[in-house]
Structure formats: structure tokens, C-alpha cells
Amino acid sequence: MEIVDREVALEDIDETFGPPPSERLVENIRRNGVVVPVLLAERVDEHGAISLHIVDGNRRVAAARAVEQETIPARVLRDASEADAANLTLATNSFRTSNYITEFWAMNQLERAGVSRSRMTDFTGMTRSTLETRQQLAKLERRLFLGLSEGRIGPSIALAAARLDPGIQRELGDVFERTGRLTKAQVDAATTRETPEDLPEINLEGRVLPTDLQFALVAVARQALARGVDRETWLEAAERAFGEAKG
């Protein structure tokens, strides 16, 4: 593997992934340019065309593009295997704010190359539980995964959603597709893991609903919240549904 330091045209670098750069970083690069070189790896496709994959520096590349720089200082890896690049991605991310998407892809690449989790922890300093947490993203619904990769869904929200049933995730994906955002409150509302015994009693003027109906009512209300239904619409729909049920 050879490392070459040079200025690289931003148009020659692959797209960025993960959280967008902060306003502070963008302004700093606007005034001072990119001080710390990004780390790139050459990739050669089946036709011999060379592209540059970001190993470390997604936010710096995105910020440089935001201020319309044409080039960026880089350390370019030549003849590096995908496993070597993945190792470097995990190692560099372990020293600063994580980029869950790049870490997730790097872990998958290392596993395909036959690298065990224990070897990953030895090399990167990440704990086994941290690596397993990142791997939860494999269960994330496609649209939500795309939202995370584009920086429109926060990492903690994405991980919470990844732990939910696929059906609930699809509903959250519908919400995200419709509104362009996903909040912690919506994910929390979609979580219906409590057992009926754990629910507080719903007491209406001295009358108490049976436990199974309490559970069903809370579960449906949470689904309504996850879909962005407001309180007034929910109450009106519930009243009409009760009237229709009575006939």
C-alpha cells in the first residue's frame, strides 16, 4: 500500500455519507480552507476507471463542497484493499465523533474479508458492544437507512427505530417519506413493548376500562402519533368509530 499526499479535485471524490457538517466547520473552511487532509482510497472498476472513496473526512469534504472549493488536500491510498480501508475508517472514527454509516459499512467490509469482531476491537479500540450497536443498523428499514446516510435522521433515533418490528419500521418509513423528518417522540410513540400489566389504569369518571382494552387503546394512540395525527383528529375519529360500532 502506498500513500500519496496531493490536492484532489472535489468532483473526483465519491459522495459523502453521515451527519452534515456543522455551521462552525463550514464557516471555518470558508475562511481558512481545509487544514487537515482527508484520507481517500483509490478504487478501480471493471473498466479501469479510477474513483476516490472517502476513508476519513466525510464532513470536511461536504463542508468544502458547501463553500464551493474546487480542491481539497488529501492523503490518497494506492493499492489498498477494501479491508485495509475499512480498518482505517474504524480506527480514525474511534478518535472523534462517530459516523455510524461509514462505521457500519466498514464493519461489513471487514466481516466479508474474514476479520472477526475480536480483531476489530483490538485494532480500533472500540468495545464489542459498540460494534454490535452499529450492526443493529442492518435491521433498519431502507428509507430510514437512507435518511441516516443523508444526515436527515439522527444516529440515536435510527438505532432506536432499528430495534422495532419491521412492520412498525415501515410505518415510520411512511412518516419519514411524507414529512422528511423523524423525531424521537415519533419513535417512542411507535414502541408498543409494554405489557398490559405495566399500563396505568384509564379511569373515566369512575369507570375503568378492561386491561386488554387499555393496552389496545394506548397502542393505537401511539400508532396515530407516529403517523403525525393530532389530538383533535384522533378524538374525532375515535368518537365516530365508536358511533359506527354501536350502529
C-alpha atoms as a PDB file:
ATOM      1  CA  MET A   1       0.000   0.000   0.000  1.00  0.00           C
ATOM      2  CA  GLU A   2       1.314   3.415  -0.997  1.00  0.00           C
ATOM      3  CA  ILE A   3       0.229   6.802   0.395  1.00  0.00           C
ATOM      4  CA  VAL A   4       0.474   9.929  -1.775  1.00  0.00           C
ATOM      5  CA  ASP A   5      -0.169  13.449  -0.478  1.00  0.00           C
ATOM      6  CA  ARG A   6      -1.751  15.745  -3.076  1.00  0.00           C
ATOM      7  CA  GLU A   7      -4.533  18.205  -3.863  1.00  0.00           C
ATOM      8  CA  VAL A   8      -7.607  16.415  -5.179  1.00  0.00           C
ATOM      9  CA  ALA A   9     -10.479  17.871  -7.199  1.00  0.00           C
ATOM     10  CA  LEU A  10     -13.705  17.580  -5.200  1.00  0.00           C
ATOM     11  CA  GLU A  11     -15.561  16.424  -8.298  1.00  0.00           C
ATOM     12  CA  ASP A  12     -13.340  13.318  -8.374  1.00  0.00           C
ATOM     13  CA  ILE A  13     -14.353  12.229  -4.857  1.00  0.00           C
ATOM     14  CA  ASP A  14     -17.314   9.917  -4.172  1.00  0.00           C
ATOM     15  CA  GLU A  15     -20.427  11.228  -2.422  1.00  0.00           C
ATOM     16  CA  THR A  16     -20.364  11.831   1.322  1.00  0.00           C
ATOM     17  CA  PHE A  17     -22.390   9.972   3.957  1.00  0.00           C
ATOM     18  CA  GLY A  18     -23.490  10.611   7.513  1.00  0.00           C
ATOM     19  CA  PRO A  19     -24.292  13.762   9.502  1.00  0.00           C
ATOM     20  CA  PRO A  20     -23.880  17.074   7.666  1.00  0.00           C
ATOM     21  CA  PRO A  21     -21.009  19.365   8.686  1.00  0.00           C
ATOM     22  CA  SER A  22     -21.696  21.887  11.437  1.00  0.00           C
ATOM     23  CA  GLU A  23     -22.098  25.570  10.578  1.00  0.00           C
ATOM     24  CA  ARG A  24     -18.923  26.202  12.550  1.00  0.00           C
ATOM     25  CA  LEU A  25     -16.946  23.772  10.389  1.00  0.00           C
ATOM     26  CA  VAL A  26     -18.377  25.212   7.173  1.00  0.00           C
ATOM     27  CA  GLU A  27     -17.503  28.764   8.234  1.00  0.00           C
ATOM     28  CA  ASN A  28     -14.019  27.722   9.332  1.00  0.00           C
ATOM     29  CA  ILE A  29     -13.342  26.093   5.967  1.00  0.00           C
ATOM     30  CA  ARG A  30     -14.797  29.105   4.187  1.00  0.00           C
ATOM     31  CA  ARG A  31     -12.222  31.326   5.926  1.00  0.00           C
ATOM     32  CA  ASN A  32      -9.220  29.027   6.267  1.00  0.00           C
ATOM     33  CA  GLY A  33      -9.735  26.154   3.847  1.00  0.00           C
ATOM     34  CA  VAL A  34      -9.247  22.516   4.827  1.00  0.00           C
ATOM     35  CA  VAL A  35      -6.235  22.332   7.151  1.00  0.00           C
ATOM     36  CA  VAL A  36      -6.224  18.600   7.978  1.00  0.00           C
ATOM     37  CA  PRO A  37      -6.061  16.457   4.812  1.00  0.00           C
ATOM     38  CA  VAL A  38      -8.814  13.925   4.226  1.00  0.00           C
ATOM     39  CA  LEU A  39      -7.995  10.251   3.721  1.00  0.00           C
ATOM     40  CA  LEU A  40      -9.043   8.722   0.391  1.00  0.00           C
ATOM     41  CA  ALA A  41      -8.614   5.341  -1.253  1.00  0.00           C
ATOM     42  CA  GLU A  42      -8.350   4.708  -4.985  1.00  0.00           C
ATOM     43  CA  ARG A  43     -10.917   2.304  -6.398  1.00  0.00           C
ATOM     44  CA  VAL A  44     -10.599   0.831  -9.896  1.00  0.00           C
ATOM     45  CA  ASP A  45     -13.754  -0.515 -11.530  1.00  0.00           C
ATOM     46  CA  GLU A  46     -14.018  -3.310 -14.102  1.00  0.00           C
ATOM     47  CA  HIS A  47     -13.482  -0.814 -16.930  1.00  0.00           C
ATOM     48  CA  GLY A  48     -10.288   0.596 -15.404  1.00  0.00           C
ATOM     49  CA  ALA A  49     -11.855   3.885 -14.276  1.00  0.00           C
ATOM     50  CA  ILE A  50     -10.422   5.253 -11.024  1.00  0.00           C
ATOM     51  CA  SER A  51     -12.627   6.808  -8.332  1.00  0.00           C
ATOM     52  CA  LEU A  52     -11.731   8.125  -4.892  1.00  0.00           C
ATOM     53  CA  HIS A  53     -13.555   6.661  -1.898  1.00  0.00           C
ATOM     54  CA  ILE A  54     -13.640   8.585   1.394  1.00  0.00           C
ATOM     55  CA  VAL A  55     -11.931   6.655   4.173  1.00  0.00           C
ATOM     56  CA  ASP A  56     -11.917   9.579   6.620  1.00  0.00           C
ATOM     57  CA  GLY A  57     -13.250  13.110   6.152  1.00  0.00           C
ATOM     58  CA  ASN A  58     -16.909  12.991   5.061  1.00  0.00           C
ATOM     59  CA  ARG A  59     -17.743  16.220   6.920  1.00  0.00           C
ATOM     60  CA  ARG A  60     -14.692  18.074   5.601  1.00  0.00           C
ATOM     61  CA  VAL A  61     -15.491  17.083   2.019  1.00  0.00           C
ATOM     62  CA  ALA A  62     -19.149  18.103   2.452  1.00  0.00           C
ATOM     63  CA  ALA A  63     -18.150  21.443   4.001  1.00  0.00           C
ATOM     64  CA  ALA A  64     -15.652  22.137   1.222  1.00  0.00           C
ATOM     65  CA  ARG A  65     -18.364  21.469  -1.340  1.00  0.00           C
ATOM     66  CA  ALA A  66     -20.754  23.737   0.567  1.00  0.00           C
ATOM     67  CA  VAL A  67     -18.358  26.686   0.206  1.00  0.00           C
ATOM     68  CA  GLU A  68     -17.676  25.744  -3.426  1.00  0.00           C
ATOM     69  CA  GLN A  69     -14.000  24.879  -3.103  1.00  0.00           C
ATOM     70  CA  GLU A  70     -12.592  23.155  -6.158  1.00  0.00           C
ATOM     71  CA  THR A  71      -9.870  21.086  -4.498  1.00  0.00           C
ATOM     72  CA  ILE A  72      -9.037  19.641  -1.099  1.00  0.00           C
ATOM     73  CA  PRO A  73      -5.765  18.395   0.438  1.00  0.00           C
ATOM     74  CA  ALA A  74      -5.764  14.622   0.727  1.00  0.00           C
ATOM     75  CA  ARG A  75      -3.707  11.563   1.571  1.00  0.00           C
ATOM     76  CA  VAL A  76      -4.528   9.042  -1.140  1.00  0.00           C
ATOM     77  CA  LEU A  77      -4.120   5.303  -0.553  1.00  0.00           C
ATOM     78  CA  ARG A  78      -2.994   3.353  -3.581  1.00  0.00           C
ATOM     79  CA  ASP A  79      -3.232  -0.433  -3.866  1.00  0.00           C
ATOM     80  CA  ALA A  80      -5.090  -0.621  -0.540  1.00  0.00           C
ATOM     81  CA  SER A  81      -7.527  -3.478  -0.094  1.00  0.00           C
ATOM     82  CA  GLU A  82     -11.086  -2.748   0.939  1.00  0.00           C
ATOM     83  CA  ALA A  83     -10.313  -4.383   4.295  1.00  0.00           C
ATOM     84  CA  ASP A  84      -7.339  -2.037   4.815  1.00  0.00           C
ATOM     85  CA  ALA A  85      -9.533   0.983   4.066  1.00  0.00           C
ATOM     86  CA  ALA A  86     -12.287  -0.308   6.369  1.00  0.00           C
ATOM     87  CA  ASN A  87      -9.787  -0.795   9.199  1.00  0.00           C
ATOM     88  CA  LEU A  88      -8.610   2.800   8.803  1.00  0.00           C
ATOM     89  CA  THR A  89     -12.192   4.090   8.775  1.00  0.00           C
ATOM     90  CA  LEU A  90     -12.947   2.431  12.108  1.00  0.00           C
ATOM     91  CA  ALA A  91      -9.608   3.474  13.592  1.00  0.00           C
ATOM     92  CA  THR A  92      -9.960   7.156  12.657  1.00  0.00           C
ATOM     93  CA  ASN A  93     -13.623   7.301  13.741  1.00  0.00           C
ATOM     94  CA  SER A  94     -12.712   5.962  17.184  1.00  0.00           C
ATOM     95  CA  PHE A  95     -10.802   9.166  17.964  1.00  0.00           C
ATOM     96  CA  ARG A  96     -13.678  11.596  17.346  1.00  0.00           C
ATOM     97  CA  THR A  97     -17.432  11.923  16.814  1.00  0.00           C
ATOM     98  CA  SER A  98     -18.660   8.750  15.164  1.00  0.00           C
ATOM     99  CA  ASN A  99     -20.127   8.496  11.697  1.00  0.00           C
ATOM    100  CA  TYR A 100     -22.423   5.485  12.120  1.00  0.00           C
ATOM    101  CA  ILE A 101     -22.902   4.892   8.406  1.00  0.00           C
ATOM    102  CA  THR A 102     -19.209   4.720   7.494  1.00  0.00           C
ATOM    103  CA  GLU A 103     -18.520   2.571  10.553  1.00  0.00           C
ATOM    104  CA  PHE A 104     -21.363   0.211   9.630  1.00  0.00           C
ATOM    105  CA  TRP A 105     -20.096  -0.198   6.085  1.00  0.00           C
ATOM    106  CA  ALA A 106     -16.514  -0.617   7.264  1.00  0.00           C
ATOM    107  CA  MET A 107     -17.563  -3.371   9.690  1.00  0.00           C
ATOM    108  CA  ASN A 108     -19.442  -5.202   6.939  1.00  0.00           C
ATOM    109  CA  GLN A 109     -16.435  -4.979   4.640  1.00  0.00           C
ATOM    110  CA  LEU A 110     -14.134  -6.383   7.314  1.00  0.00           C
ATOM    111  CA  GLU A 111     -16.531  -9.234   8.067  1.00  0.00           C
ATOM    112  CA  ARG A 112     -16.671 -10.119   4.373  1.00  0.00           C
ATOM    113  CA  ALA A 113     -12.869 -10.182   4.445  1.00  0.00           C
ATOM    114  CA  GLY A 114     -12.983 -12.675   7.326  1.00  0.00           C
ATOM    115  CA  VAL A 115     -11.991 -10.299  10.140  1.00  0.00           C
ATOM    116  CA  SER A 116     -13.528 -11.321  13.483  1.00  0.00           C
ATOM    117  CA  ARG A 117     -15.156  -8.909  15.940  1.00  0.00           C
ATOM    118  CA  SER A 118     -12.371  -9.529  18.452  1.00  0.00           C
ATOM    119  CA  ARG A 119      -9.764  -8.458  15.893  1.00  0.00           C
ATOM    120  CA  MET A 120     -11.818  -5.330  15.150  1.00  0.00           C
ATOM    121  CA  THR A 121     -11.865  -4.369  18.821  1.00  0.00           C
ATOM    122  CA  ASP A 122      -8.109  -4.955  19.117  1.00  0.00           C
ATOM    123  CA  PHE A 123      -7.369  -2.774  16.098  1.00  0.00           C
ATOM    124  CA  THR A 124      -9.796   0.113  16.664  1.00  0.00           C
ATOM    125  CA  GLY A 125     -10.130   0.245  20.445  1.00  0.00           C
ATOM    126  CA  MET A 126     -13.929   0.079  20.079  1.00  0.00           C
ATOM    127  CA  THR A 127     -15.724  -2.183  22.529  1.00  0.00           C
ATOM    128  CA  ARG A 128     -17.595  -5.250  21.329  1.00  0.00           C
ATOM    129  CA  SER A 129     -20.883  -3.698  22.470  1.00  0.00           C
ATOM    130  CA  THR A 130     -20.167  -0.587  20.354  1.00  0.00           C
ATOM    131  CA  LEU A 131     -19.556  -2.727  17.286  1.00  0.00           C
ATOM    132  CA  GLU A 132     -22.731  -4.723  17.938  1.00  0.00           C
ATOM    133  CA  THR A 133     -24.694  -1.493  18.319  1.00  0.00           C
ATOM    134  CA  ARG A 134     -23.513  -0.304  14.905  1.00  0.00           C
ATOM    135  CA  GLN A 135     -24.511  -3.660  13.424  1.00  0.00           C
ATOM    136  CA  GLN A 136     -28.107  -3.035  14.544  1.00  0.00           C
ATOM    137  CA  LEU A 137     -28.357  -0.727  11.530  1.00  0.00           C
ATOM    138  CA  ALA A 138     -28.543  -3.819   9.312  1.00  0.00           C
ATOM    139  CA  LYS A 139     -32.144  -4.188  10.536  1.00  0.00           C
ATOM    140  CA  LEU A 140     -33.103  -0.589   9.707  1.00  0.00           C
ATOM    141  CA  GLU A 141     -35.844  -0.032   7.116  1.00  0.00           C
ATOM    142  CA  ARG A 142     -34.426   1.089   3.754  1.00  0.00           C
ATOM    143  CA  ARG A 143     -35.897   4.608   3.734  1.00  0.00           C
ATOM    144  CA  LEU A 144     -34.793   5.214   7.309  1.00  0.00           C
ATOM    145  CA  PHE A 145     -31.303   3.957   6.483  1.00  0.00           C
ATOM    146  CA  LEU A 146     -31.167   6.383   3.574  1.00  0.00           C
ATOM    147  CA  GLY A 147     -32.307   9.196   5.879  1.00  0.00           C
ATOM    148  CA  LEU A 148     -29.490   8.347   8.287  1.00  0.00           C
ATOM    149  CA  SER A 149     -26.912   8.231   5.484  1.00  0.00           C
ATOM    150  CA  GLU A 150     -28.070  11.659   4.292  1.00  0.00           C
ATOM    151  CA  GLY A 151     -27.895  13.133   7.793  1.00  0.00           C
ATOM    152  CA  ARG A 152     -31.658  13.746   7.981  1.00  0.00           C
ATOM    153  CA  ILE A 153     -32.189  11.228  10.801  1.00  0.00           C
ATOM    154  CA  GLY A 154     -30.013  11.300  13.911  1.00  0.00           C
ATOM    155  CA  PRO A 155     -27.958   8.220  14.862  1.00  0.00           C
ATOM    156  CA  SER A 156     -29.691   7.631  18.208  1.00  0.00           C
ATOM    157  CA  ILE A 157     -33.129   7.871  16.574  1.00  0.00           C
ATOM    158  CA  ALA A 158     -32.066   5.478  13.806  1.00  0.00           C
ATOM    159  CA  LEU A 159     -30.752   2.939  16.313  1.00  0.00           C
ATOM    160  CA  ALA A 160     -33.964   3.123  18.349  1.00  0.00           C
ATOM    161  CA  ALA A 161     -36.016   2.555  15.188  1.00  0.00           C
ATOM    162  CA  ALA A 162     -33.781  -0.364  14.131  1.00  0.00           C
ATOM    163  CA  ARG A 163     -34.815  -2.245  17.290  1.00  0.00           C
ATOM    164  CA  LEU A 164     -38.518  -2.108  16.381  1.00  0.00           C
ATOM    165  CA  ASP A 165     -40.511  -4.716  14.454  1.00  0.00           C
ATOM    166  CA  PRO A 166     -40.289  -4.453  10.638  1.00  0.00           C
ATOM    167  CA  GLY A 167     -43.982  -3.521  10.388  1.00  0.00           C
ATOM    168  CA  ILE A 168     -43.574  -0.587  12.761  1.00  0.00           C
ATOM    169  CA  GLN A 169     -40.430   0.473  10.911  1.00  0.00           C
ATOM    170  CA  ARG A 170     -42.367   0.534   7.644  1.00  0.00           C
ATOM    171  CA  GLU A 171     -44.910   2.859   9.232  1.00  0.00           C
ATOM    172  CA  LEU A 172     -42.111   5.120  10.452  1.00  0.00           C
ATOM    173  CA  GLY A 173     -40.668   4.976   6.939  1.00  0.00           C
ATOM    174  CA  ASP A 174     -44.021   6.205   5.631  1.00  0.00           C
ATOM    175  CA  VAL A 175     -43.910   9.093   8.113  1.00  0.00           C
ATOM    176  CA  PHE A 176     -40.365   9.992   7.088  1.00  0.00           C
ATOM    177  CA  GLU A 177     -41.184   9.760   3.391  1.00  0.00           C
ATOM    178  CA  ARG A 178     -44.224  12.001   3.850  1.00  0.00           C
ATOM    179  CA  THR A 179     -42.713  14.644   6.174  1.00  0.00           C
ATOM    180  CA  GLY A 180     -38.981  14.425   5.536  1.00  0.00           C
ATOM    181  CA  ARG A 181     -38.213  14.048   9.226  1.00  0.00           C
ATOM    182  CA  LEU A 182     -38.358  11.576  12.078  1.00  0.00           C
ATOM    183  CA  THR A 183     -38.290  12.555  15.748  1.00  0.00           C
ATOM    184  CA  LYS A 184     -37.533  10.701  18.955  1.00  0.00           C
ATOM    185  CA  ALA A 185     -41.121  11.283  20.077  1.00  0.00           C
ATOM    186  CA  GLN A 186     -42.424   9.525  16.961  1.00  0.00           C
ATOM    187  CA  VAL A 187     -40.144   6.536  17.505  1.00  0.00           C
ATOM    188  CA  ASP A 188     -41.057   6.385  21.193  1.00  0.00           C
ATOM    189  CA  ALA A 189     -44.747   6.560  20.292  1.00  0.00           C
ATOM    190  CA  ALA A 190     -44.333   3.645  17.883  1.00  0.00           C
ATOM    191  CA  THR A 191     -42.820   1.436  20.564  1.00  0.00           C
ATOM    192  CA  THR A 192     -45.548  -0.807  21.949  1.00  0.00           C
ATOM    193  CA  ARG A 193     -43.490  -3.189  24.020  1.00  0.00           C
ATOM    194  CA  GLU A 194     -45.215  -2.639  27.407  1.00  0.00           C
ATOM    195  CA  THR A 195     -47.374  -5.492  28.691  1.00  0.00           C
ATOM    196  CA  PRO A 196     -50.942  -4.743  29.787  1.00  0.00           C
ATOM    197  CA  GLU A 197     -49.919  -5.157  33.444  1.00  0.00           C
ATOM    198  CA  ASP A 198     -47.460  -2.279  33.108  1.00  0.00           C
ATOM    199  CA  LEU A 199     -50.056   0.202  31.839  1.00  0.00           C
ATOM    200  CA  PRO A 200     -51.701   2.720  34.155  1.00  0.00           C
ATOM    201  CA  GLU A 201     -55.456   2.445  34.519  1.00  0.00           C
ATOM    202  CA  ILE A 202     -57.535   4.654  32.237  1.00  0.00           C
ATOM    203  CA  ASN A 203     -60.295   5.871  34.549  1.00  0.00           C
ATOM    204  CA  LEU A 204     -63.222   7.749  33.015  1.00  0.00           C
ATOM    205  CA  GLU A 205     -65.440   9.329  35.695  1.00  0.00           C
ATOM    206  CA  GLY A 206     -65.155   6.354  37.993  1.00  0.00           C
ATOM    207  CA  ARG A 207     -65.362   3.741  35.241  1.00  0.00           C
ATOM    208  CA  VAL A 208     -62.257   1.677  34.417  1.00  0.00           C
ATOM    209  CA  LEU A 209     -61.591   0.108  31.008  1.00  0.00           C
ATOM    210  CA  PRO A 210     -60.671  -3.597  30.975  1.00  0.00           C
ATOM    211  CA  THR A 211     -56.907  -4.093  30.894  1.00  0.00           C
ATOM    212  CA  ASP A 212     -56.818  -5.547  27.384  1.00  0.00           C
ATOM    213  CA  LEU A 213     -58.767  -2.568  26.033  1.00  0.00           C
ATOM    214  CA  GLN A 214     -56.409  -0.169  27.806  1.00  0.00           C
ATOM    215  CA  PHE A 215     -53.462  -1.831  26.090  1.00  0.00           C
ATOM    216  CA  ALA A 216     -55.165  -1.762  22.686  1.00  0.00           C
ATOM    217  CA  LEU A 217     -56.176   1.879  23.072  1.00  0.00           C
ATOM    218  CA  VAL A 218     -52.690   3.030  24.055  1.00  0.00           C
ATOM    219  CA  ALA A 219     -51.112   1.006  21.232  1.00  0.00           C
ATOM    220  CA  VAL A 220     -53.430   2.519  18.602  1.00  0.00           C
ATOM    221  CA  ALA A 221     -52.904   6.014  20.022  1.00  0.00           C
ATOM    222  CA  ARG A 222     -49.161   5.564  19.682  1.00  0.00           C
ATOM    223  CA  GLN A 223     -49.549   4.481  16.093  1.00  0.00           C
ATOM    224  CA  ALA A 224     -51.610   7.620  15.449  1.00  0.00           C
ATOM    225  CA  LEU A 225     -48.880   9.785  16.985  1.00  0.00           C
ATOM    226  CA  ALA A 226     -46.232   8.035  14.892  1.00  0.00           C
ATOM    227  CA  ARG A 227     -48.219   8.907  11.763  1.00  0.00           C
ATOM    228  CA  GLY A 228     -48.469  12.569  12.806  1.00  0.00           C
ATOM    229  CA  VAL A 229     -52.183  12.567  13.751  1.00  0.00           C
ATOM    230  CA  ASP A 230     -53.050  15.455  16.091  1.00  0.00           C
ATOM    231  CA  ARG A 231     -55.152  15.108  19.243  1.00  0.00           C
ATOM    232  CA  GLU A 232     -58.311  16.710  17.851  1.00  0.00           C
ATOM    233  CA  THR A 233     -58.336  14.496  14.746  1.00  0.00           C
ATOM    234  CA  TRP A 234     -57.687  11.425  16.882  1.00  0.00           C
ATOM    235  CA  LEU A 235     -60.573  12.198  19.263  1.00  0.00           C
ATOM    236  CA  GLU A 236     -62.974  12.936  16.404  1.00  0.00           C
ATOM    237  CA  ALA A 237     -62.051   9.702  14.622  1.00  0.00           C
ATOM    238  CA  ALA A 238     -62.382   7.694  17.852  1.00  0.00           C
ATOM    239  CA  GLU A 239     -65.828   9.163  18.520  1.00  0.00           C
ATOM    240  CA  ARG A 240     -67.026   8.375  15.003  1.00  0.00           C
ATOM    241  CA  ALA A 241     -65.620   4.828  15.169  1.00  0.00           C
ATOM    242  CA  PHE A 242     -67.470   4.254  18.472  1.00  0.00           C
ATOM    243  CA  GLY A 243     -70.705   5.562  16.948  1.00  0.00           C
ATOM    244  CA  GLU A 244     -70.372   3.291  13.928  1.00  0.00           C
ATOM    245  CA  ALA A 245     -69.654   0.306  16.165  1.00  0.00           C
ATOM    246  CA  LYS A 246     -72.849   0.969  18.088  1.00  0.00           C
ATOM    247  CA  GLY A 247     -74.750   1.079  14.834  1.00  0.00           C
END
